[in-house]
Amino acid sequence: MTVSTELIVLQDPSEVGHAKNSVRLMALVIPETRVYVGESPDDFKSLRQYLDCCTKPIYLVYPSDNSSDVMDTQLENQVVLLFLDGTWRKAYKLLQLNPWLQGYPALHLDLESASNYKIRKASRADSLSTLEAAAMMLKSIEPELKVSPLTNALEAMVQQRIQSMPADVRKRYES
């Protein structure tokens, strides 16, 4: 899958080896995806150097009081999107430990439907996997882009995980 938008993920270290890691799938479908693992500003030093030299507009994908709905924002195809990968608590911690991220304009998605990532619990109704957020952001920025390779990969992983569950547990996840 070829995209014009540059995808960069700041990933909490606890997510790297997680069996339900949607960023691993995202990078398989979009090999240009860049993943930086860490927590502190020092962990993201090379990323910051890259972003300081970047000529494309850079946006943080994170819902907040200061974020703009991507659908209400005029974006070029050639942009950089920064994603925070982890639970809501870990993503918030990444944001707090890295105040330099708040120097970028923030975007959010106005969600019409719930996540299809039903194998992970979420504390918020507007929770998405990083892969789902990337797919929806890409669709908003590049409307002609077919994001089905991303969504199909996630659905296949979800189904595989559900099928590997004991029958009594599986019933809770099957729709």
N, C-alpha and C. Protein backbone atom coordinates (compact mmCIF):
# COMPACT_ATOMS: atom_id res chain seq x y z
N MET A 1 0.86 -1.17 0.00
CA MET A 1 0.00 0.00 0.00
C MET A 1 0.90 1.23 0.00
N THR A 2 0.68 2.13 -0.94
CA THR A 2 1.49 3.35 -1.04
C THR A 2 0.65 4.55 -0.63
N VAL A 3 1.22 5.35 0.28
CA VAL A 3 0.52 6.53 0.77
C VAL A 3 1.41 7.76 0.62
N SER A 4 0.78 8.91 0.47
CA SER A 4 1.52 10.18 0.41
C SER A 4 1.78 10.73 1.81
N THR A 5 0.90 10.41 2.72
CA THR A 5 1.01 10.87 4.10
C THR A 5 2.09 10.06 4.82
N GLU A 6 2.92 10.75 5.57
CA GLU A 6 3.97 10.06 6.33
C GLU A 6 3.43 9.71 7.71
N LEU A 7 3.54 8.44 8.08
CA LEU A 7 3.04 7.95 9.35
C LEU A 7 4.20 7.66 10.30
N ILE A 8 4.17 8.30 11.46
CA ILE A 8 5.20 8.09 12.48
C ILE A 8 4.50 7.75 13.79
N VAL A 9 4.95 6.67 14.41
CA VAL A 9 4.35 6.20 15.65
C VAL A 9 5.38 6.31 16.77
N LEU A 10 4.96 6.96 17.86
CA LEU A 10 5.73 6.97 19.09
C LEU A 10 5.08 5.90 19.96
N GLN A 11 5.81 4.81 20.18
CA GLN A 11 5.21 3.64 20.81
C GLN A 11 5.76 3.44 22.23
N ASP A 12 4.86 3.26 23.16
CA ASP A 12 5.24 2.94 24.53
C ASP A 12 5.96 1.59 24.51
N PRO A 13 7.06 1.45 25.25
CA PRO A 13 7.82 0.19 25.22
C PRO A 13 7.00 -1.05 25.56
N SER A 14 5.98 -0.92 26.39
CA SER A 14 5.19 -2.09 26.77
C SER A 14 4.34 -2.63 25.62
N GLU A 15 4.17 -1.85 24.56
CA GLU A 15 3.36 -2.29 23.42
C GLU A 15 4.14 -3.14 22.42
N VAL A 16 5.46 -3.04 22.43
CA VAL A 16 6.29 -3.68 21.40
C VAL A 16 6.04 -5.17 21.29
N GLY A 17 6.10 -5.88 22.38
CA GLY A 17 5.94 -7.33 22.34
C GLY A 17 4.52 -7.81 22.52
N HIS A 18 3.58 -6.89 22.57
CA HIS A 18 2.17 -7.25 22.81
C HIS A 18 1.61 -8.03 21.63
N ALA A 19 0.95 -9.13 21.92
CA ALA A 19 0.39 -9.98 20.87
C ALA A 19 -0.67 -9.26 20.04
N LYS A 20 -1.31 -8.25 20.63
CA LYS A 20 -2.38 -7.53 19.93
C LYS A 20 -1.87 -6.20 19.36
N ASN A 21 -0.62 -6.12 19.02
CA ASN A 21 0.04 -4.91 18.56
C ASN A 21 -0.40 -4.54 17.14
N SER A 22 -1.28 -3.55 17.01
CA SER A 22 -1.77 -3.18 15.68
C SER A 22 -0.73 -2.39 14.87
N VAL A 23 0.25 -1.79 15.54
CA VAL A 23 1.29 -1.04 14.83
C VAL A 23 2.16 -1.99 14.01
N ARG A 24 2.40 -3.17 14.53
CA ARG A 24 3.17 -4.16 13.77
C ARG A 24 2.46 -4.48 12.45
N LEU A 25 1.14 -4.65 12.51
CA LEU A 25 0.36 -4.89 11.29
C LEU A 25 0.42 -3.69 10.35
N MET A 26 0.27 -2.51 10.93
CA MET A 26 0.30 -1.27 10.14
C MET A 26 1.60 -1.17 9.35
N ALA A 27 2.71 -1.48 10.01
CA ALA A 27 4.02 -1.40 9.35
C ALA A 27 4.19 -2.48 8.28
N LEU A 28 3.51 -3.60 8.44
CA LEU A 28 3.56 -4.63 7.40
C LEU A 28 2.79 -4.19 6.16
N VAL A 29 1.65 -3.54 6.37
CA VAL A 29 0.82 -3.09 5.25
C VAL A 29 1.41 -1.82 4.62
N ILE A 30 1.94 -0.93 5.44
CA ILE A 30 2.56 0.32 4.95
C ILE A 30 4.01 0.31 5.45
N PRO A 31 4.92 -0.29 4.68
CA PRO A 31 6.30 -0.46 5.15
C PRO A 31 7.02 0.87 5.47
N GLU A 32 6.56 1.97 4.91
CA GLU A 32 7.20 3.26 5.18
C GLU A 32 6.88 3.80 6.57
N THR A 33 5.97 3.16 7.28
CA THR A 33 5.62 3.57 8.65
C THR A 33 6.89 3.55 9.49
N ARG A 34 7.10 4.64 10.22
CA ARG A 34 8.27 4.72 11.10
C ARG A 34 7.79 4.61 12.54
N VAL A 35 8.45 3.72 13.29
CA VAL A 35 8.07 3.48 14.67
C VAL A 35 9.26 3.80 15.58
N TYR A 36 9.02 4.66 16.55
CA TYR A 36 10.02 5.02 17.54
C TYR A 36 9.51 4.56 18.89
N VAL A 37 10.29 3.73 19.57
CA VAL A 37 9.89 3.18 20.85
C VAL A 37 10.58 3.95 21.97
N GLY A 38 9.79 4.35 22.96
CA GLY A 38 10.40 5.05 24.09
C GLY A 38 9.37 5.75 24.94
N GLU A 39 9.88 6.51 25.91
CA GLU A 39 9.02 7.29 26.79
C GLU A 39 9.52 8.72 26.96
N SER A 40 10.81 8.88 27.12
CA SER A 40 11.37 10.19 27.45
C SER A 40 11.82 10.94 26.20
N PRO A 41 12.04 12.25 26.34
CA PRO A 41 12.54 13.03 25.21
C PRO A 41 13.84 12.46 24.62
N ASP A 42 14.72 11.92 25.47
CA ASP A 42 15.96 11.34 24.96
C ASP A 42 15.70 10.15 24.04
N ASP A 43 14.65 9.40 24.33
CA ASP A 43 14.30 8.24 23.50
C ASP A 43 13.90 8.67 22.09
N PHE A 44 13.43 9.89 21.95
CA PHE A 44 12.94 10.38 20.66
C PHE A 44 13.85 11.44 20.04
N LYS A 45 15.10 11.44 20.47
CA LYS A 45 16.05 12.46 19.99
C LYS A 45 16.21 12.43 18.47
N SER A 46 16.39 11.23 17.89
CA SER A 46 16.57 11.15 16.44
C SER A 46 15.30 11.56 15.70
N LEU A 47 14.14 11.22 16.26
CA LEU A 47 12.87 11.65 15.66
C LEU A 47 12.77 13.17 15.68
N ARG A 48 13.09 13.77 16.80
CA ARG A 48 13.01 15.23 16.91
C ARG A 48 13.95 15.91 15.91
N GLN A 49 15.13 15.34 15.73
CA GLN A 49 16.07 15.90 14.75
C GLN A 49 15.47 15.81 13.35
N TYR A 50 14.86 14.69 13.05
CA TYR A 50 14.22 14.52 11.74
C TYR A 50 13.09 15.55 11.55
N LEU A 51 12.23 15.66 12.56
CA LEU A 51 11.09 16.58 12.46
C LEU A 51 11.54 18.04 12.36
N ASP A 52 12.63 18.39 13.04
CA ASP A 52 13.15 19.75 12.97
C ASP A 52 13.58 20.12 11.55
N CYS A 53 13.99 19.13 10.77
CA CYS A 53 14.44 19.36 9.39
C CYS A 53 13.33 19.14 8.36
N CYS A 54 12.20 18.63 8.81
CA CYS A 54 11.10 18.27 7.91
C CYS A 54 10.45 19.52 7.32
N THR A 55 10.19 19.48 6.03
CA THR A 55 9.54 20.62 5.36
C THR A 55 8.04 20.44 5.21
N LYS A 56 7.54 19.27 5.54
CA LYS A 56 6.09 19.01 5.45
C LYS A 56 5.40 19.47 6.73
N PRO A 57 4.12 19.82 6.64
CA PRO A 57 3.37 20.10 7.87
C PRO A 57 3.28 18.85 8.75
N ILE A 58 3.39 19.06 10.05
CA ILE A 58 3.39 17.95 11.01
C ILE A 58 2.19 18.12 11.94
N TYR A 59 1.46 17.02 12.15
CA TYR A 59 0.28 17.04 13.02
C TYR A 59 0.37 15.89 14.01
N LEU A 60 -0.05 16.15 15.23
CA LEU A 60 -0.19 15.14 16.25
C LEU A 60 -1.63 14.63 16.22
N VAL A 61 -1.82 13.34 16.12
CA VAL A 61 -3.16 12.77 16.14
C VAL A 61 -3.46 12.40 17.60
N TYR A 62 -4.22 13.28 18.23
CA TYR A 62 -4.54 13.09 19.65
C TYR A 62 -5.72 13.98 20.00
N PRO A 63 -6.82 13.39 20.46
CA PRO A 63 -7.98 14.21 20.80
C PRO A 63 -7.76 15.00 22.08
N SER A 64 -8.03 16.28 22.01
CA SER A 64 -7.89 17.14 23.19
C SER A 64 -8.77 18.37 23.01
N ASP A 65 -8.78 19.22 24.01
CA ASP A 65 -9.54 20.47 23.92
C ASP A 65 -9.00 21.38 22.82
N ASN A 66 -7.73 21.20 22.47
CA ASN A 66 -7.09 22.05 21.47
C ASN A 66 -7.01 21.41 20.09
N SER A 67 -7.49 20.18 19.95
CA SER A 67 -7.37 19.51 18.65
C SER A 67 -8.51 19.91 17.72
N SER A 68 -8.24 19.79 16.43
CA SER A 68 -9.23 20.10 15.39
C SER A 68 -9.70 18.81 14.75
N ASP A 69 -10.95 18.78 14.37
CA ASP A 69 -11.50 17.63 13.64
C ASP A 69 -10.81 17.60 12.28
N VAL A 70 -10.27 16.46 11.91
CA VAL A 70 -9.56 16.34 10.64
C VAL A 70 -10.47 16.69 9.46
N MET A 71 -11.78 16.44 9.60
CA MET A 71 -12.70 16.74 8.50
C MET A 71 -12.92 18.24 8.32
N ASP A 72 -12.63 19.02 9.36
CA ASP A 72 -12.79 20.47 9.28
C ASP A 72 -11.47 21.17 8.99
N THR A 73 -10.42 20.40 8.71
CA THR A 73 -9.09 20.95 8.51
C THR A 73 -8.64 20.71 7.08
N GLN A 74 -8.21 21.75 6.43
CA GLN A 74 -7.70 21.63 5.06
C GLN A 74 -6.26 21.16 5.12
N LEU A 75 -6.01 19.91 4.71
CA LEU A 75 -4.66 19.34 4.76
C LEU A 75 -4.17 19.00 3.37
N GLU A 76 -2.89 19.15 3.19
CA GLU A 76 -2.26 18.71 1.94
C GLU A 76 -2.05 17.20 2.03
N ASN A 77 -1.78 16.56 0.88
CA ASN A 77 -1.47 15.13 0.89
C ASN A 77 -0.12 14.87 1.53
N GLN A 78 0.78 15.80 1.40
CA GLN A 78 2.14 15.63 1.91
C GLN A 78 2.25 16.17 3.32
N VAL A 79 1.79 15.40 4.29
CA VAL A 79 1.88 15.80 5.70
C VAL A 79 2.50 14.65 6.49
N VAL A 80 2.91 14.97 7.71
CA VAL A 80 3.41 13.98 8.65
C VAL A 80 2.40 13.87 9.77
N LEU A 81 1.99 12.64 10.07
CA LEU A 81 1.08 12.40 11.19
C LEU A 81 1.83 11.65 12.28
N LEU A 82 1.76 12.18 13.49
CA LEU A 82 2.37 11.55 14.65
C LEU A 82 1.28 10.87 15.47
N PHE A 83 1.47 9.59 15.78
CA PHE A 83 0.53 8.82 16.57
C PHE A 83 1.21 8.38 17.86
N LEU A 84 0.47 8.39 18.95
CA LEU A 84 0.95 7.87 20.23
C LEU A 84 0.33 6.50 20.42
N ASP A 85 1.17 5.47 20.55
CA ASP A 85 0.66 4.10 20.63
C ASP A 85 0.82 3.55 22.04
N GLY A 86 -0.31 3.21 22.63
CA GLY A 86 -0.37 2.64 23.97
C GLY A 86 -1.78 2.78 24.47
N THR A 87 -2.02 2.32 25.68
CA THR A 87 -3.33 2.55 26.28
C THR A 87 -3.54 4.06 26.40
N TRP A 88 -4.77 4.48 26.70
CA TRP A 88 -5.01 5.92 26.88
C TRP A 88 -4.06 6.48 27.94
N ARG A 89 -3.91 5.75 29.03
CA ARG A 89 -3.04 6.21 30.11
C ARG A 89 -1.58 6.35 29.64
N LYS A 90 -1.11 5.36 28.88
CA LYS A 90 0.27 5.41 28.40
C LYS A 90 0.46 6.48 27.33
N ALA A 91 -0.53 6.66 26.47
CA ALA A 91 -0.44 7.72 25.46
C ALA A 91 -0.40 9.09 26.13
N TYR A 92 -1.22 9.27 27.14
CA TYR A 92 -1.24 10.54 27.87
C TYR A 92 0.11 10.76 28.56
N LYS A 93 0.65 9.70 29.11
CA LYS A 93 1.96 9.79 29.76
C LYS A 93 3.04 10.18 28.74
N LEU A 94 3.00 9.58 27.55
CA LEU A 94 3.95 9.95 26.49
C LEU A 94 3.84 11.44 26.18
N LEU A 95 2.62 11.92 26.09
CA LEU A 95 2.38 13.33 25.79
C LEU A 95 2.93 14.22 26.91
N GLN A 96 2.70 13.84 28.15
CA GLN A 96 3.17 14.64 29.28
C GLN A 96 4.68 14.62 29.42
N LEU A 97 5.30 13.48 29.13
CA LEU A 97 6.76 13.37 29.23
C LEU A 97 7.48 14.05 28.07
N ASN A 98 6.73 14.33 27.01
CA ASN A 98 7.32 14.92 25.80
C ASN A 98 6.56 16.18 25.41
N PRO A 99 6.73 17.26 26.19
CA PRO A 99 5.98 18.49 25.93
C PRO A 99 6.25 19.09 24.55
N TRP A 100 7.35 18.72 23.92
CA TRP A 100 7.65 19.20 22.57
C TRP A 100 6.56 18.77 21.58
N LEU A 101 5.86 17.67 21.87
CA LEU A 101 4.77 17.22 20.98
C LEU A 101 3.64 18.24 20.92
N GLN A 102 3.44 18.97 22.00
CA GLN A 102 2.34 19.93 22.06
C GLN A 102 2.61 21.17 21.21
N GLY A 103 3.80 21.24 20.65
CA GLY A 103 4.12 22.32 19.72
C GLY A 103 3.54 22.10 18.33
N TYR A 104 3.03 20.90 18.09
CA TYR A 104 2.42 20.60 16.79
C TYR A 104 0.90 20.72 16.90
N PRO A 105 0.25 21.17 15.82
CA PRO A 105 -1.21 21.20 15.86
C PRO A 105 -1.75 19.78 16.01
N ALA A 106 -2.80 19.65 16.80
CA ALA A 106 -3.38 18.32 17.06
C ALA A 106 -4.66 18.13 16.25
N LEU A 107 -4.85 16.92 15.79
CA LEU A 107 -6.05 16.53 15.05
C LEU A 107 -6.75 15.39 15.77
N HIS A 108 -8.06 15.35 15.61
CA HIS A 108 -8.83 14.21 16.11
C HIS A 108 -9.83 13.79 15.05
N LEU A 109 -10.39 12.61 15.27
CA LEU A 109 -11.43 12.07 14.40
C LEU A 109 -12.77 12.20 15.11
N ASP A 110 -13.78 12.64 14.39
CA ASP A 110 -15.14 12.68 14.94
C ASP A 110 -15.74 11.32 14.61
N LEU A 111 -15.76 10.44 15.59
CA LEU A 111 -16.13 9.05 15.35
C LEU A 111 -17.63 8.85 15.23
N GLU A 112 -18.00 8.12 14.20
CA GLU A 112 -19.40 7.77 13.99
C GLU A 112 -19.69 6.36 14.47
N SER A 113 -18.65 5.53 14.53
CA SER A 113 -18.86 4.15 14.95
C SER A 113 -17.76 3.72 15.91
N ALA A 114 -18.04 2.65 16.61
CA ALA A 114 -17.08 2.14 17.59
C ALA A 114 -15.97 1.39 16.88
N SER A 115 -14.94 1.14 17.63
CA SER A 115 -13.78 0.41 17.13
C SER A 115 -14.15 -1.02 16.76
N ASN A 116 -13.46 -1.55 15.76
CA ASN A 116 -13.61 -2.96 15.41
C ASN A 116 -12.56 -3.81 16.13
N TYR A 117 -11.77 -3.15 16.95
CA TYR A 117 -10.67 -3.80 17.66
C TYR A 117 -11.18 -4.35 18.98
N LYS A 118 -12.13 -5.27 18.90
CA LYS A 118 -12.87 -5.71 20.07
C LYS A 118 -12.11 -6.67 20.98
N ILE A 119 -10.89 -7.03 20.63
CA ILE A 119 -10.14 -7.96 21.48
C ILE A 119 -9.33 -7.23 22.55
N ARG A 120 -9.35 -5.91 22.54
CA ARG A 120 -8.68 -5.14 23.59
C ARG A 120 -9.69 -4.27 24.29
N LYS A 121 -9.62 -4.25 25.61
CA LYS A 121 -10.52 -3.41 26.39
C LYS A 121 -10.07 -1.96 26.28
N ALA A 122 -11.04 -1.06 26.27
CA ALA A 122 -10.74 0.36 26.24
C ALA A 122 -11.61 1.07 27.27
N SER A 123 -11.01 2.06 27.91
CA SER A 123 -11.74 2.78 28.94
C SER A 123 -12.62 3.88 28.38
N ARG A 124 -12.42 4.21 27.10
CA ARG A 124 -13.19 5.29 26.49
C ARG A 124 -13.96 4.78 25.28
N ALA A 125 -15.13 5.34 25.06
CA ALA A 125 -15.96 4.92 23.92
C ALA A 125 -15.34 5.32 22.59
N ASP A 126 -14.51 6.37 22.59
CA ASP A 126 -13.91 6.84 21.35
C ASP A 126 -12.53 6.23 21.10
N SER A 127 -12.26 5.09 21.73
CA SER A 127 -10.96 4.43 21.57
C SER A 127 -10.86 3.73 20.23
N LEU A 128 -9.70 3.87 19.62
CA LEU A 128 -9.38 3.17 18.37
C LEU A 128 -8.00 2.56 18.52
N SER A 129 -7.74 1.51 17.79
CA SER A 129 -6.37 1.03 17.71
C SER A 129 -5.60 2.06 16.87
N THR A 130 -4.29 2.05 17.00
CA THR A 130 -3.47 2.98 16.23
C THR A 130 -3.67 2.73 14.74
N LEU A 131 -3.79 1.47 14.36
CA LEU A 131 -4.03 1.13 12.95
C LEU A 131 -5.36 1.73 12.47
N GLU A 132 -6.41 1.60 13.26
CA GLU A 132 -7.71 2.16 12.86
C GLU A 132 -7.63 3.69 12.73
N ALA A 133 -6.98 4.32 13.69
CA ALA A 133 -6.83 5.78 13.64
C ALA A 133 -6.06 6.19 12.39
N ALA A 134 -5.01 5.45 12.07
CA ALA A 134 -4.22 5.75 10.87
C ALA A 134 -5.07 5.58 9.61
N ALA A 135 -5.83 4.49 9.54
CA ALA A 135 -6.68 4.24 8.37
C ALA A 135 -7.70 5.37 8.18
N MET A 136 -8.32 5.78 9.28
CA MET A 136 -9.34 6.84 9.19
C MET A 136 -8.71 8.19 8.85
N MET A 137 -7.55 8.47 9.39
CA MET A 137 -6.85 9.72 9.06
C MET A 137 -6.44 9.72 7.59
N LEU A 138 -5.90 8.60 7.12
CA LEU A 138 -5.50 8.50 5.71
C LEU A 138 -6.69 8.71 4.79
N LYS A 139 -7.81 8.10 5.13
CA LYS A 139 -9.03 8.23 4.31
C LYS A 139 -9.50 9.68 4.27
N SER A 140 -9.33 10.41 5.37
CA SER A 140 -9.72 11.81 5.42
C SER A 140 -8.79 12.69 4.58
N ILE A 141 -7.51 12.37 4.61
CA ILE A 141 -6.52 13.19 3.91
C ILE A 141 -6.41 12.81 2.45
N GLU A 142 -6.48 11.51 2.17
CA GLU A 142 -6.36 11.00 0.80
C GLU A 142 -7.64 10.22 0.46
N PRO A 143 -8.73 10.93 0.16
CA PRO A 143 -10.04 10.27 -0.02
C PRO A 143 -10.07 9.16 -1.08
N GLU A 144 -9.21 9.25 -2.08
CA GLU A 144 -9.20 8.24 -3.13
C GLU A 144 -8.46 6.96 -2.71
N LEU A 145 -7.76 7.02 -1.60
CA LEU A 145 -6.96 5.89 -1.12
C LEU A 145 -7.85 4.77 -0.60
N LYS A 146 -7.54 3.56 -0.99
CA LYS A 146 -8.25 2.38 -0.49
C LYS A 146 -7.54 1.92 0.78
N VAL A 147 -8.21 2.06 1.93
CA VAL A 147 -7.60 1.67 3.20
C VAL A 147 -7.96 0.24 3.60
N SER A 148 -8.66 -0.46 2.74
CA SER A 148 -9.08 -1.82 3.06
C SER A 148 -7.91 -2.76 3.39
N PRO A 149 -6.71 -2.60 2.80
CA PRO A 149 -5.63 -3.48 3.25
C PRO A 149 -5.34 -3.35 4.75
N LEU A 150 -5.45 -2.14 5.28
CA LEU A 150 -5.26 -1.94 6.72
C LEU A 150 -6.39 -2.56 7.52
N THR A 151 -7.61 -2.21 7.16
CA THR A 151 -8.76 -2.69 7.93
C THR A 151 -8.93 -4.21 7.80
N ASN A 152 -8.62 -4.76 6.64
CA ASN A 152 -8.70 -6.22 6.46
C ASN A 152 -7.65 -6.94 7.30
N ALA A 153 -6.46 -6.36 7.39
CA ALA A 153 -5.40 -6.97 8.21
C ALA A 153 -5.81 -6.98 9.68
N LEU A 154 -6.39 -5.88 10.14
CA LEU A 154 -6.84 -5.82 11.53
C LEU A 154 -7.95 -6.83 11.79
N GLU A 155 -8.92 -6.89 10.88
CA GLU A 155 -10.03 -7.84 11.04
C GLU A 155 -9.52 -9.28 11.06
N ALA A 156 -8.55 -9.59 10.21
CA ALA A 156 -7.98 -10.94 10.19
C ALA A 156 -7.29 -11.26 11.51
N MET A 157 -6.56 -10.29 12.07
CA MET A 157 -5.90 -10.51 13.34
C MET A 157 -6.93 -10.71 14.45
N VAL A 158 -7.95 -9.88 14.46
CA VAL A 158 -9.00 -10.00 15.48
C VAL A 158 -9.66 -11.37 15.39
N GLN A 159 -10.02 -11.79 14.20
CA GLN A 159 -10.67 -13.10 14.03
C GLN A 159 -9.75 -14.24 14.44
N GLN A 160 -8.48 -14.14 14.10
CA GLN A 160 -7.52 -15.17 14.47
C GLN A 160 -7.41 -15.26 15.99
N ARG A 161 -7.35 -14.12 16.66
CA ARG A 161 -7.25 -14.10 18.12
C ARG A 161 -8.52 -14.69 18.76
N ILE A 162 -9.68 -14.32 18.21
CA ILE A 162 -10.94 -14.83 18.75
C ILE A 162 -11.01 -16.35 18.57
N GLN A 163 -10.62 -16.84 17.41
CA GLN A 163 -10.68 -18.28 17.14
C GLN A 163 -9.75 -19.08 18.04
N SER A 164 -8.69 -18.44 18.55
CA SER A 164 -7.75 -19.15 19.41
C SER A 164 -8.19 -19.16 20.88
N MET A 165 -9.30 -18.48 21.18
CA MET A 165 -9.81 -18.43 22.55
C MET A 165 -10.61 -19.68 22.87
N PRO A 166 -10.66 -20.04 24.16
CA PRO A 166 -11.55 -21.14 24.55
C PRO A 166 -13.00 -20.78 24.18
N ALA A 167 -13.79 -21.77 23.87
CA ALA A 167 -15.16 -21.55 23.37
C ALA A 167 -15.99 -20.66 24.28
N ASP A 168 -15.91 -20.83 25.60
CA ASP A 168 -16.73 -20.03 26.50
C ASP A 168 -16.29 -18.55 26.49
N VAL A 169 -15.03 -18.31 26.30
CA VAL A 169 -14.52 -16.93 26.22
C VAL A 169 -14.86 -16.33 24.85
N ARG A 170 -14.72 -17.14 23.82
CA ARG A 170 -14.97 -16.69 22.44
C ARG A 170 -16.36 -16.13 22.27
N LYS A 171 -17.35 -16.71 22.96
CA LYS A 171 -18.75 -16.28 22.84
C LYS A 171 -18.91 -14.80 23.18
N ARG A 172 -18.10 -14.29 24.09
CA ARG A 172 -18.18 -12.87 24.49
C ARG A 172 -17.76 -11.92 23.38
N TYR A 173 -16.93 -12.41 22.46
CA TYR A 173 -16.36 -11.54 21.43
C TYR A 173 -17.05 -11.68 20.07
N GLU A 174 -17.71 -12.80 19.85
CA GLU A 174 -18.34 -13.00 18.55
C GLU A 174 -19.63 -12.19 18.48
N SER A 175 -19.84 -11.58 17.32
CA SER A 175 -21.05 -10.75 17.17
C SER A 175 -22.14 -11.49 16.46
